[in-house]
Amino acid sequence: NLASELQSSLGLIETITGFLKIKHSFALVSLSFFKNLKLIRGDSMVDGNYTLYVLDNQNLQQLWDWSHHVLSIPVGKMYFAFNPKLCLAEIYRMEEVTGTKGRQNKAEINPRTNGDRASCEYGDGDIRQLRGPLSEPCHPSTGKTQTLRFISNVTESDRIFLKWERYRPPEYRDLLSFIVYYKESPFQNVSEYVGQDACGAQSWNVLDVELPLSSEQAPGVALLNLRPWTQYAIFVRAITLTTAEEGRNYGAQSEVVYIRTMPAGKGLARGPGMPVVAPQRRAETPRVRPAPTVPRDVISMSNSSSHIVVRWKPPTQRNGNITYYLVLWQQLAEDMELYVNDYCHKGLKLPTSSADTRFGDGDGPEVEQDAEERCCPCRPADGQLRMEGEAESFQKKFENFLHNSIIIPRTPKRRRDVVAVTSPANASSAEPPVPSRAGGEPKPDFQIFEDKVVRDRAVLSRLRHFTEYRIDIHACNHAAHTVGCSAATFVFARTMPELQADNIPGNVTWEPAGKNSVLLRWEEPRNPNGLILKYEIKY
């Protein structure tokens, strides 16, 4: 967007010590990106005469919004030429505000080459006006532009039908057609200049409307292929052809109005104070009223052993007013295939319950650590290669577990019989035996919980510590009872571990088992953090 880029680069300038020269700038529509400019001092000038020089800008339509801007030019002249869409009224208004009135002659503000392709509000001068933007609406009796008023609108979920009053210039042949400008506008703060450039960025959609065949019929238009439950800014301009030799200079434009399309699944609606004018069209196949698209960018974070915080963004296409979000969550079982590996000799890489990186401020330390790990790897030994092969096999099994857990949650076994035997070393690991699986025993599913929230976040509570959950979020609009909610977007999250959950309850008992060994016995933790894959014994 050229306008916003120029404003971010030049919007803080308050004083220009020399001159301002705007030349051959096709993309400029307005100079309002100099939003803080207060003074052009004129220490140096163009050709020694001109403090402001504006030449050959084919799409320049507005200088500044003089109701909110003050600019001073204490010395020097202004020069305007070959700006076909810049009305003379804009230039004359700038003369008054900047204090330069009377300094310029007719050749320096040429009425033949400024505004010659715009429908302007001139009262005299040798001008032939074709088409373009209008200035403030005025009454035609003063020789200026008239305000067009809308008389009806009919709104559906994907279209808007508009009618406005018939514009009647004194010479009916001068009225050529109408142009309707419209665009999506979440906020009611646009004008035909805000955020617009001639290259098309953030530009209005333009629709030409021919004159009705009957001079008594009100002109109208149907805006099609709109998005449901979306606010649009709309205004209309009359395109006239006047000849200045006869002193006729007329035009008409409406104010910018804001109309929101209906939600998907709703019928017709009319604007306040406007009669309903039913559109005349052929019978058509009923349109499918869609549900919203999925919520976007779901992120999760566990801030305790029993809570998970989930956030998301609204759907791209709401297709109506989002009334609530349906949040469902279900505990996932730890995979029993994790018992297949020998963790006492292989080592164990524990799962984590860290938050999504988008919850934090950055991941600088992690990036540095990754860079260090990539630096200069040593040539692995044969034993290390064998261990890496085992790790690769484990990784494949673990990926299969993740894939299967999305579809069928597995049921964990709560109790295990554990026995550990010490060895002559100073430390030892004892691996609990794999729990037996009774053949044909049904695997109970974990309960699915749900909640309805009206905001774009949810806090899930009363969860089990160090446990993975699948969380689904559906967006639901006003028509959810007929079209259903959106498809689910989901995220996996694990709660944080409970600090005391892995403590061994009671005492450790022992008995002699031979000349150089003892047999240790203990109770397993009653509610551990996930599966118990090994015990570490230090002595």
Protein backbone atom coordinates (compact mmCIF):
# COMPACT_ATOMS: atom_id res chain seq x y z
CA ASN A 1 0.00 0.00 0.00
CA LEU A 2 1.82 3.07 -1.27
CA ALA A 3 -0.11 5.55 0.87
CA SER A 4 0.67 3.80 4.16
CA GLU A 5 4.34 3.31 3.18
CA LEU A 6 4.74 6.99 2.35
CA GLN A 7 3.04 7.99 5.59
CA SER A 8 5.30 5.77 7.67
CA SER A 9 8.38 7.23 5.95
CA LEU A 10 7.38 10.90 5.58
CA GLY A 11 4.49 11.35 8.00
CA LEU A 12 6.62 12.82 10.82
CA ILE A 13 8.08 15.69 8.74
CA GLU A 14 6.90 19.07 10.11
CA THR A 15 9.13 21.56 8.26
CA ILE A 16 10.64 21.58 4.77
CA THR A 17 13.42 24.15 4.69
CA GLY A 18 13.54 24.38 0.91
CA PHE A 19 10.81 23.51 -1.58
CA LEU A 20 8.37 20.63 -2.20
CA LYS A 21 8.25 19.28 -5.77
CA ILE A 22 5.67 16.66 -6.84
CA LYS A 23 6.32 15.67 -10.46
CA HIS A 24 5.32 12.69 -12.69
CA SER A 25 3.97 10.71 -9.72
CA PHE A 26 1.36 8.52 -11.35
CA ALA A 27 0.52 6.52 -8.21
CA LEU A 28 -0.27 9.47 -5.94
CA VAL A 29 -3.90 10.20 -5.19
CA SER A 30 -3.42 12.53 -2.22
CA LEU A 31 -0.64 14.40 -0.40
CA SER A 32 -2.17 13.61 2.98
CA PHE A 33 0.73 11.26 3.78
CA PHE A 34 2.55 14.48 4.82
CA LYS A 35 0.18 14.45 7.78
CA ASN A 36 2.37 16.55 10.11
CA LEU A 37 3.74 19.02 7.56
CA LYS A 38 3.21 22.56 8.94
CA LEU A 39 5.73 24.75 7.09
CA ILE A 40 7.47 24.94 3.70
CA ARG A 41 10.05 27.63 4.43
CA GLY A 42 11.39 28.33 0.92
CA ASP A 43 15.11 28.79 1.67
CA SER A 44 15.61 27.44 -1.86
CA MET A 45 13.00 27.40 -4.65
CA VAL A 46 12.30 25.73 -7.99
CA ASP A 47 13.49 28.11 -10.76
CA GLY A 48 14.01 30.68 -8.02
CA ASN A 49 10.23 31.30 -7.76
CA TYR A 50 8.23 28.27 -6.62
CA THR A 51 8.10 26.87 -3.08
CA LEU A 52 5.48 24.25 -4.09
CA TYR A 53 5.72 22.76 -7.58
CA VAL A 54 3.09 20.19 -8.69
CA LEU A 55 3.41 19.02 -12.31
CA ASP A 56 1.95 16.13 -14.34
CA ASN A 57 0.39 13.88 -11.72
CA GLN A 58 -2.29 11.97 -13.58
CA ASN A 59 -4.17 10.60 -10.55
CA LEU A 60 -3.70 13.31 -7.94
CA GLN A 61 -7.17 14.15 -6.61
CA GLN A 62 -6.67 15.74 -3.20
CA LEU A 63 -3.97 17.89 -1.59
CA TRP A 64 -4.82 17.78 2.13
CA ASP A 65 -7.98 17.59 4.19
CA TRP A 66 -8.06 21.28 5.01
CA SER A 67 -10.64 20.84 7.75
CA HIS A 68 -7.94 19.03 9.79
CA HIS A 69 -4.68 20.38 8.36
CA VAL A 70 -2.84 23.71 8.53
CA LEU A 71 0.11 24.56 6.26
CA SER A 72 2.09 27.79 5.91
CA ILE A 73 4.15 28.94 2.90
CA PRO A 74 5.62 32.32 3.94
CA VAL A 75 7.59 33.03 0.74
CA GLY A 76 7.49 31.98 -2.89
CA LYS A 77 4.74 30.91 -5.27
CA MET A 78 2.84 27.72 -6.08
CA TYR A 79 2.77 26.11 -9.52
CA PHE A 80 0.12 23.60 -10.68
CA ALA A 81 -0.08 22.20 -14.23
CA PHE A 82 -1.23 19.00 -15.96
CA ASN A 83 -2.99 17.48 -12.96
CA PRO A 84 -6.16 16.36 -14.78
CA LYS A 85 -8.00 15.01 -11.72
CA LEU A 86 -7.14 17.82 -9.31
CA CYS A 87 -10.03 20.27 -9.10
CA LEU A 88 -9.25 23.98 -9.08
CA ALA A 89 -11.30 24.31 -5.89
CA GLU A 90 -8.65 22.22 -4.08
CA ILE A 91 -5.91 24.56 -5.30
CA TYR A 92 -7.85 27.75 -4.47
CA ARG A 93 -8.60 26.40 -1.01
CA MET A 94 -4.88 25.77 -0.49
CA GLU A 95 -4.11 29.36 -1.52
CA GLU A 96 -6.33 30.60 1.27
CA VAL A 97 -4.96 28.24 3.94
CA THR A 98 -1.26 28.72 3.10
CA GLY A 99 -1.46 32.51 2.67
CA THR A 100 -0.28 32.46 -0.96
CA LYS A 101 -3.43 33.94 -2.50
CA GLY A 102 -2.60 36.67 -4.99
CA ARG A 103 0.98 35.56 -5.59
CA GLN A 104 0.17 33.29 -8.56
CA ASN A 105 -1.12 34.32 -11.94
CA LYS A 106 -3.42 32.31 -14.24
CA ALA A 107 -0.52 30.71 -16.06
CA GLU A 108 0.88 29.29 -12.81
CA ILE A 109 -2.47 27.71 -11.84
CA ASN A 110 -3.71 26.78 -15.28
CA PRO A 111 -7.50 26.19 -15.38
CA ARG A 112 -7.20 24.32 -18.68
CA THR A 113 -4.78 21.61 -17.47
CA ASN A 114 -5.90 21.13 -13.84
CA GLY A 115 -9.15 19.26 -13.21
CA ASP A 116 -9.92 18.87 -16.90
CA ARG A 117 -10.85 15.19 -16.34
CA ALA A 118 -12.70 15.72 -13.05
CA SER A 119 -16.27 16.60 -12.18
CA CYS A 120 -15.53 19.67 -10.11
CA GLU A 121 -17.41 22.53 -8.50
CA TYR A 122 -16.23 25.43 -10.64
CA GLY A 123 -18.40 28.48 -11.21
CA ASP A 124 -16.52 29.95 -14.13
CA GLY A 125 -13.59 29.35 -16.39
CA ASP A 126 -13.06 27.71 -19.76
CA ILE A 127 -13.23 24.04 -18.70
CA ARG A 128 -14.55 20.85 -20.24
CA GLN A 129 -15.22 18.33 -17.45
CA LEU A 130 -15.35 14.60 -18.14
CA ARG A 131 -15.25 12.37 -15.06
CA GLY A 132 -13.53 11.81 -11.73
CA PRO A 133 -13.82 12.44 -7.99
CA LEU A 134 -15.97 15.11 -6.44
CA SER A 135 -15.35 17.47 -3.56
CA GLU A 136 -17.81 18.38 -0.80
CA PRO A 137 -21.43 17.86 -1.88
CA CYS A 138 -23.32 21.07 -2.62
CA HIS A 139 -26.62 22.06 -4.21
CA PRO A 140 -26.81 22.50 -7.98
CA SER A 141 -28.44 25.91 -7.64
CA THR A 142 -25.02 27.25 -6.64
CA GLY A 143 -23.41 25.76 -9.73
CA LYS A 144 -21.74 23.02 -7.70
CA THR A 145 -22.24 19.35 -6.92
CA GLN A 146 -25.33 17.84 -5.39
CA THR A 147 -25.59 15.13 -2.74
CA LEU A 148 -27.11 11.90 -3.99
CA ARG A 149 -29.35 10.16 -1.46
CA PHE A 150 -30.08 6.44 -1.30
CA ILE A 151 -33.78 5.61 -1.22
CA SER A 152 -33.69 1.83 -0.62
CA ASN A 153 -31.47 -1.13 0.01
CA VAL A 154 -32.16 -4.86 0.14
CA THR A 155 -29.49 -6.98 1.78
CA GLU A 156 -28.86 -10.71 1.54
CA SER A 157 -25.95 -12.85 2.69
CA ASP A 158 -23.99 -12.43 -0.55
CA ARG A 159 -25.51 -9.44 -2.32
CA ILE A 160 -26.78 -5.90 -1.79
CA PHE A 161 -29.43 -4.19 -3.95
CA LEU A 162 -29.30 -0.38 -3.88
CA LYS A 163 -31.42 2.40 -5.36
CA TRP A 164 -30.77 6.12 -5.16
CA GLU A 165 -32.69 9.21 -6.14
CA ARG A 166 -32.77 10.30 -9.74
CA TYR A 167 -30.24 13.04 -10.38
CA ARG A 168 -31.62 15.74 -12.68
CA PRO A 169 -29.11 18.27 -13.98
CA PRO A 170 -30.63 21.30 -15.74
CA GLU A 171 -29.56 19.78 -19.05
CA TYR A 172 -30.50 16.07 -18.95
CA ARG A 173 -28.11 15.24 -21.80
CA ASP A 174 -25.18 16.16 -19.54
CA LEU A 175 -25.80 13.09 -17.35
CA LEU A 176 -23.78 10.18 -18.76
CA SER A 177 -23.90 7.39 -16.16
CA PHE A 178 -23.17 6.51 -12.52
CA ILE A 179 -20.20 4.80 -10.92
CA VAL A 180 -20.65 2.76 -7.71
CA TYR A 181 -17.59 2.35 -5.48
CA TYR A 182 -17.59 -0.33 -2.78
CA LYS A 183 -15.13 -2.29 -0.64
CA GLU A 184 -14.96 -4.24 2.59
CA SER A 185 -14.64 -1.93 5.57
CA PRO A 186 -14.54 -3.42 9.09
CA PHE A 187 -14.57 0.11 10.56
CA GLN A 188 -16.63 3.13 9.60
CA ASN A 189 -13.71 5.46 8.99
CA VAL A 190 -12.98 5.42 5.25
CA SER A 191 -13.15 8.06 2.59
CA GLU A 192 -12.37 7.76 -1.10
CA TYR A 193 -8.77 8.75 -0.36
CA VAL A 194 -7.84 6.77 2.76
CA GLY A 195 -5.30 4.05 2.09
CA GLN A 196 -5.75 4.26 -1.67
CA ASP A 197 -3.25 4.68 -4.47
CA ALA A 198 -3.52 4.61 -8.23
CA CYS A 199 -1.73 1.26 -8.42
CA GLY A 200 -4.79 -0.41 -6.94
CA ALA A 201 -3.64 -1.29 -3.42
CA GLN A 202 -6.59 -1.14 -1.04
CA SER A 203 -8.57 0.41 -3.88
CA TRP A 204 -12.31 0.44 -4.27
CA ASN A 205 -14.22 -2.00 -6.42
CA VAL A 206 -15.78 -0.02 -9.26
CA LEU A 207 -19.05 -0.79 -11.03
CA ASP A 208 -20.44 1.26 -13.93
CA VAL A 209 -24.21 1.75 -13.94
CA GLU A 210 -26.03 2.80 -17.07
CA LEU A 211 -28.92 5.26 -16.90
CA PRO A 212 -32.43 3.72 -16.63
CA LEU A 213 -34.37 3.67 -19.89
CA SER A 214 -37.20 5.63 -18.31
CA SER A 215 -36.49 9.12 -17.06
CA GLU A 216 -38.92 8.46 -14.19
CA GLN A 217 -37.19 5.31 -12.98
CA ALA A 218 -34.76 5.51 -10.05
CA PRO A 219 -31.28 4.16 -10.85
CA GLY A 220 -30.03 1.13 -8.94
CA VAL A 221 -27.43 -1.60 -8.81
CA ALA A 222 -26.93 -5.14 -7.51
CA LEU A 223 -23.60 -5.81 -5.81
CA LEU A 224 -23.00 -9.56 -6.13
CA ASN A 225 -20.55 -12.16 -4.81
CA LEU A 226 -20.18 -10.49 -1.43
CA ARG A 227 -19.14 -12.19 1.77
CA PRO A 228 -21.78 -12.99 4.43
CA TRP A 229 -21.88 -10.86 7.57
CA THR A 230 -19.33 -8.39 6.21
CA GLN A 231 -19.56 -4.60 6.37
CA TYR A 232 -19.09 -2.73 3.10
CA ALA A 233 -18.45 0.96 2.46
CA ILE A 234 -20.35 2.24 -0.59
CA PHE A 235 -20.75 5.53 -2.41
CA VAL A 236 -22.07 6.62 -5.83
CA ARG A 237 -20.94 9.31 -8.26
CA ALA A 238 -22.79 10.79 -11.19
CA ILE A 239 -20.73 11.23 -14.34
CA THR A 240 -21.63 14.39 -16.22
CA LEU A 241 -20.42 16.20 -19.33
CA THR A 242 -20.54 19.99 -19.13
CA THR A 243 -19.25 22.76 -21.35
CA ALA A 244 -17.81 25.72 -19.56
CA GLU A 245 -18.55 28.07 -22.46
CA GLU A 246 -22.20 27.87 -21.42
CA GLY A 247 -21.36 28.19 -17.71
CA ARG A 248 -22.81 24.81 -16.73
CA ASN A 249 -20.74 22.92 -14.14
CA TYR A 250 -22.74 20.23 -12.38
CA GLY A 251 -22.08 16.93 -10.64
CA ALA A 252 -23.47 14.68 -7.91
CA GLN A 253 -22.08 12.27 -5.34
CA SER A 254 -23.43 10.39 -2.34
CA GLU A 255 -21.91 10.24 1.08
CA VAL A 256 -20.10 7.04 2.07
CA VAL A 257 -22.61 4.62 3.62
CA TYR A 258 -21.92 1.39 5.48
CA ILE A 259 -24.04 -1.72 4.95
CA ARG A 260 -23.46 -5.17 6.44
CA THR A 261 -24.53 -8.24 4.51
CA MET A 262 -26.81 -10.73 6.21
CA PRO A 263 -25.44 -13.81 7.95
CA ALA A 264 -25.47 -17.01 5.94
CA GLY A 265 -28.90 -18.63 6.16
CA LYS A 266 -30.86 -15.42 6.75
CA GLY A 267 -33.43 -13.90 4.40
CA LEU A 268 -33.83 -10.38 3.11
CA ALA A 269 -33.21 -7.27 5.19
CA ARG A 270 -33.73 -3.61 4.44
CA GLY A 271 -31.93 -0.54 5.63
CA PRO A 272 -33.49 1.57 8.38
CA GLY A 273 -35.96 4.08 7.02
CA MET A 274 -35.82 2.63 3.52
CA PRO A 275 -38.69 0.81 1.81
CA VAL A 276 -38.03 -2.72 0.67
CA VAL A 277 -37.74 -2.98 -3.09
CA ALA A 278 -37.75 -6.69 -3.94
CA PRO A 279 -35.21 -7.48 -6.67
CA GLN A 280 -36.62 -8.83 -9.91
CA ARG A 281 -34.69 -11.92 -11.02
CA ARG A 282 -35.22 -15.38 -12.43
CA ALA A 283 -35.87 -18.35 -10.20
CA GLU A 284 -32.59 -19.89 -9.12
CA THR A 285 -31.31 -22.90 -7.25
CA PRO A 286 -31.31 -22.26 -3.48
CA ARG A 287 -27.82 -21.34 -2.30
CA VAL A 288 -26.13 -23.50 0.30
CA ARG A 289 -25.72 -21.56 3.52
CA PRO A 290 -22.23 -22.51 4.71
CA ALA A 291 -20.97 -22.87 8.24
CA PRO A 292 -17.94 -20.81 9.31
CA THR A 293 -14.47 -21.88 8.32
CA VAL A 294 -12.23 -23.35 11.01
CA PRO A 295 -10.71 -21.18 13.75
CA ARG A 296 -7.12 -20.23 12.97
CA ASP A 297 -3.74 -20.40 14.68
CA VAL A 298 -4.60 -22.49 17.71
CA ILE A 299 -1.90 -22.38 20.41
CA SER A 300 -1.79 -23.98 23.83
CA MET A 301 0.15 -23.69 27.06
CA SER A 302 0.05 -25.60 30.33
CA ASN A 303 0.69 -23.38 33.34
CA SER A 304 0.12 -26.03 36.01
CA SER A 305 -0.31 -29.78 36.44
CA SER A 306 -4.11 -29.48 36.08
CA HIS A 307 -4.70 -26.59 33.66
CA ILE A 308 -4.21 -25.92 29.94
CA VAL A 309 -4.75 -22.51 28.33
CA VAL A 310 -5.85 -22.52 24.67
CA ARG A 311 -6.08 -19.51 22.35
CA TRP A 312 -7.06 -19.12 18.70
CA LYS A 313 -8.05 -16.56 16.08
CA PRO A 314 -11.53 -16.19 14.53
CA PRO A 315 -12.30 -17.91 11.22
CA THR A 316 -11.34 -16.25 7.98
CA GLN A 317 -14.94 -16.50 6.74
CA ARG A 318 -17.47 -16.29 9.54
CA ASN A 319 -20.52 -16.57 7.25
CA GLY A 320 -22.57 -14.96 10.00
CA ASN A 321 -22.26 -13.70 13.53
CA ILE A 322 -20.06 -16.04 15.59
CA THR A 323 -22.16 -16.68 18.69
CA TYR A 324 -19.88 -19.15 20.46
CA TYR A 325 -16.99 -21.58 20.12
CA LEU A 326 -17.43 -25.25 20.99
CA VAL A 327 -14.34 -26.62 22.77
CA LEU A 328 -13.95 -30.38 23.26
CA TRP A 329 -11.07 -32.14 24.99
CA GLN A 330 -10.21 -35.77 25.66
CA GLN A 331 -7.40 -37.46 27.53
CA LEU A 332 -5.06 -39.54 25.37
CA ALA A 333 -3.56 -42.79 26.61
CA GLU A 334 0.15 -43.38 26.82
CA ASP A 335 1.18 -46.04 24.32
CA MET A 336 2.02 -49.44 25.78
CA GLU A 337 4.50 -50.00 22.95
CA LEU A 338 6.85 -47.69 24.81
CA TYR A 339 7.62 -50.69 27.05
CA VAL A 340 9.27 -52.52 24.14
CA ASN A 341 12.57 -50.62 24.44
CA ASP A 342 15.25 -51.30 27.04
CA TYR A 343 15.46 -47.91 28.71
CA CYS A 344 17.93 -49.14 31.36
CA HIS A 345 20.68 -49.48 28.71
CA LYS A 346 19.38 -47.20 25.97
CA GLY A 347 18.51 -44.14 27.97
CA LEU A 348 15.25 -42.25 28.07
CA LYS A 349 14.18 -39.01 26.44
CA LEU A 350 11.19 -37.72 28.33
CA PRO A 351 8.26 -35.91 26.67
CA THR A 352 7.81 -32.28 27.64
CA SER A 353 4.89 -30.04 28.50
CA SER A 354 6.46 -26.82 27.25
CA ALA A 355 4.25 -24.04 25.92
CA ASP A 356 3.83 -23.06 22.31
CA THR A 357 6.64 -20.69 21.34
CA ARG A 358 4.08 -18.07 20.27
CA PHE A 359 3.09 -17.61 23.92
CA GLY A 360 6.60 -16.32 24.69
CA ASP A 361 8.74 -13.43 23.54
CA GLY A 362 11.21 -15.42 21.44
CA ASP A 363 13.35 -18.48 21.11
CA GLY A 364 16.82 -17.03 20.88
CA PRO A 365 18.56 -19.46 23.31
CA GLU A 366 17.04 -22.47 21.56
CA VAL A 367 18.28 -21.24 18.20
CA GLU A 368 21.79 -20.79 19.58
CA GLN A 369 21.73 -24.26 21.09
CA ASP A 370 20.60 -25.77 17.78
CA ALA A 371 23.45 -23.96 16.02
CA GLU A 372 25.96 -25.43 18.46
CA GLU A 373 24.60 -28.92 17.90
CA ARG A 374 25.09 -28.57 14.16
CA CYS A 375 28.75 -27.59 14.44
CA CYS A 376 31.50 -30.05 13.46
CA PRO A 377 30.09 -33.52 14.35
CA CYS A 378 32.65 -36.17 15.18
CA ARG A 379 32.80 -39.43 13.22
CA PRO A 380 30.68 -41.90 15.20
CA ALA A 381 32.09 -45.18 16.44
CA ASP A 382 30.62 -48.56 15.51
CA GLY A 383 28.85 -48.91 18.87
CA GLN A 384 27.37 -45.45 18.48
CA LEU A 385 26.11 -46.30 15.01
CA ARG A 386 24.35 -49.36 16.44
CA MET A 387 22.74 -47.21 19.16
CA GLU A 388 21.65 -44.68 16.54
CA GLY A 389 20.01 -47.49 14.58
CA GLU A 390 18.09 -48.52 17.66
CA ALA A 391 17.11 -44.91 18.26
CA GLU A 392 15.85 -44.65 14.69
CA SER A 393 13.74 -47.78 15.18
CA PHE A 394 12.34 -46.33 18.38
CA GLN A 395 11.55 -43.05 16.60
CA LYS A 396 9.51 -44.87 13.94
CA LYS A 397 7.56 -46.75 16.61
CA PHE A 398 6.95 -43.50 18.45
CA GLU A 399 5.67 -41.80 15.28
CA ASN A 400 3.31 -44.71 14.71
CA PHE A 401 2.07 -44.27 18.26
CA LEU A 402 1.36 -40.58 17.67
CA HIS A 403 -0.53 -41.34 14.46
CA ASN A 404 -2.63 -44.05 16.08
CA SER A 405 -3.37 -42.01 19.18
CA ILE A 406 -5.12 -39.37 17.08
CA ILE A 407 -7.71 -41.92 16.01
CA ILE A 408 -7.94 -44.53 18.77
CA PRO A 409 -6.94 -43.57 22.32
CA ARG A 410 -5.22 -46.41 24.12
CA THR A 411 -5.97 -47.39 27.70
CA PRO A 412 -3.05 -47.33 30.17
CA LYS A 413 -2.53 -49.98 32.86
CA ARG A 414 -2.50 -48.48 36.30
CA ARG A 415 -0.66 -51.09 38.38
CA ARG A 416 2.56 -52.96 37.78
CA ASP A 417 4.59 -55.46 39.79
CA VAL A 418 8.14 -54.18 40.03
CA VAL A 419 11.25 -55.96 41.23
CA ALA A 420 14.80 -54.61 41.26
CA VAL A 421 18.04 -56.43 41.98
CA THR A 422 21.19 -54.58 42.85
CA SER A 423 24.50 -55.18 41.12
CA PRO A 424 28.10 -54.64 42.21
CA ALA A 425 28.09 -51.20 40.47
CA ASN A 426 27.43 -47.96 42.34
CA ALA A 427 24.23 -47.25 40.41
CA SER A 428 21.68 -49.42 38.72
CA SER A 429 18.43 -49.24 36.79
CA ALA A 430 15.55 -51.62 37.17
CA GLU A 431 13.00 -51.93 34.39
CA PRO A 432 9.44 -52.81 35.39
CA PRO A 433 7.98 -55.79 33.56
CA VAL A 434 5.57 -55.06 30.73
CA PRO A 435 1.99 -55.22 32.01
CA SER A 436 0.07 -58.13 30.59
CA ARG A 437 -2.78 -57.47 28.20
CA ALA A 438 -5.73 -59.73 28.58
CA GLY A 439 -6.86 -60.97 25.21
CA GLY A 440 -10.26 -59.78 24.16
CA GLU A 441 -10.46 -57.23 26.99
CA PRO A 442 -12.31 -54.11 25.69
CA LYS A 443 -10.39 -50.85 25.76
CA PRO A 444 -12.53 -48.18 27.40
CA ASP A 445 -12.46 -44.74 25.79
CA PHE A 446 -11.71 -41.70 27.89
CA GLN A 447 -14.59 -39.34 28.46
CA ILE A 448 -14.98 -36.38 26.09
CA PHE A 449 -15.62 -33.06 27.81
CA GLU A 450 -17.01 -29.97 26.12
CA ASP A 451 -17.62 -26.33 26.86
CA LYS A 452 -19.07 -23.33 25.02
CA VAL A 453 -17.13 -20.08 25.17
CA VAL A 454 -17.87 -16.71 23.60
CA ARG A 455 -14.28 -15.47 23.52
CA ASP A 456 -11.29 -16.67 21.51
CA ARG A 457 -9.69 -18.47 24.44
CA ALA A 458 -10.46 -21.17 26.99
CA VAL A 459 -8.95 -22.49 30.23
CA LEU A 460 -9.33 -26.22 30.73
CA SER A 461 -9.18 -27.24 34.39
CA ARG A 462 -9.35 -30.38 36.56
CA LEU A 463 -7.01 -32.23 34.24
CA ARG A 464 -4.67 -35.10 35.13
CA HIS A 465 -1.03 -34.23 35.68
CA PHE A 466 1.55 -34.90 32.95
CA THR A 467 -1.11 -36.20 30.58
CA GLU A 468 -1.59 -35.47 26.89
CA TYR A 469 -4.94 -34.15 25.69
CA ARG A 470 -6.41 -33.57 22.28
CA ILE A 471 -8.35 -30.29 22.13
CA ASP A 472 -10.82 -29.52 19.31
CA ILE A 473 -12.29 -26.07 18.62
CA HIS A 474 -15.37 -25.46 16.43
CA ALA A 475 -16.71 -22.02 15.43
CA CYS A 476 -20.51 -21.73 15.56
CA ASN A 477 -22.61 -18.90 14.13
CA HIS A 478 -26.29 -18.06 14.48
CA ALA A 479 -27.25 -20.83 12.03
CA ALA A 480 -25.43 -23.62 13.89
CA HIS A 481 -28.72 -25.39 14.65
CA THR A 482 -29.34 -25.84 10.90
CA VAL A 483 -25.93 -25.85 9.18
CA GLY A 484 -23.86 -27.04 12.14
CA CYS A 485 -20.62 -25.60 13.43
CA SER A 486 -17.37 -25.41 11.53
CA ALA A 487 -14.99 -28.30 11.07
CA ALA A 488 -12.63 -28.78 13.99
CA THR A 489 -9.17 -27.40 14.32
CA PHE A 490 -7.23 -29.24 16.99
CA VAL A 491 -4.07 -29.13 19.03
CA PHE A 492 -2.30 -31.57 21.36
CA ALA A 493 -1.16 -30.36 24.76
CA ARG A 494 0.36 -32.02 27.83
CA THR A 495 -0.15 -30.82 31.38
CA MET A 496 2.84 -30.13 33.59
CA PRO A 497 4.11 -32.86 35.96
CA GLU A 498 3.06 -33.03 39.60
CA LEU A 499 6.12 -32.50 41.76
CA GLN A 500 5.39 -35.23 44.34
CA ALA A 501 3.63 -37.73 42.05
CA ASP A 502 6.74 -39.86 41.35
CA ASN A 503 7.78 -40.26 45.00
CA ILE A 504 8.04 -43.86 46.26
CA PRO A 505 5.37 -44.35 48.93
CA GLY A 506 6.42 -46.05 52.18
CA ASN A 507 9.79 -47.72 52.85
CA VAL A 508 12.08 -49.81 50.68
CA THR A 509 12.47 -53.39 52.05
CA TRP A 510 15.31 -55.77 51.33
CA GLU A 511 16.47 -59.30 51.90
CA PRO A 512 19.66 -61.22 51.07
CA ALA A 513 19.59 -62.80 47.61
CA GLY A 514 23.07 -64.34 47.49
CA LYS A 515 26.67 -63.76 48.40
CA ASN A 516 27.02 -60.44 46.54
CA SER A 517 23.42 -59.28 46.04
CA VAL A 518 20.30 -58.18 47.85
CA LEU A 519 16.67 -58.12 46.76
CA LEU A 520 14.90 -54.74 47.09
CA ARG A 521 11.15 -54.28 47.14
CA TRP A 522 9.07 -51.09 47.08
CA GLU A 523 5.62 -49.85 46.17
CA GLU A 524 5.12 -48.07 42.89
CA PRO A 525 3.82 -44.47 42.94
CA ARG A 526 0.05 -44.49 43.25
CA ASN A 527 -0.56 -41.81 40.60
CA PRO A 528 2.69 -41.25 38.68
CA ASN A 529 3.45 -38.70 35.96
CA GLY A 530 2.63 -40.89 32.97
CA LEU A 531 4.07 -44.38 32.46
CA ILE A 532 6.82 -45.75 34.68
CA LEU A 533 9.45 -46.93 32.20
CA LYS A 534 12.37 -47.53 34.61
CA TYR A 535 13.59 -46.99 38.17
CA GLU A 536 16.97 -45.53 38.97
CA ILE A 537 18.71 -46.89 42.09
CA LYS A 538 21.68 -45.07 43.60
CA TYR A 539 23.73 -46.47 46.47
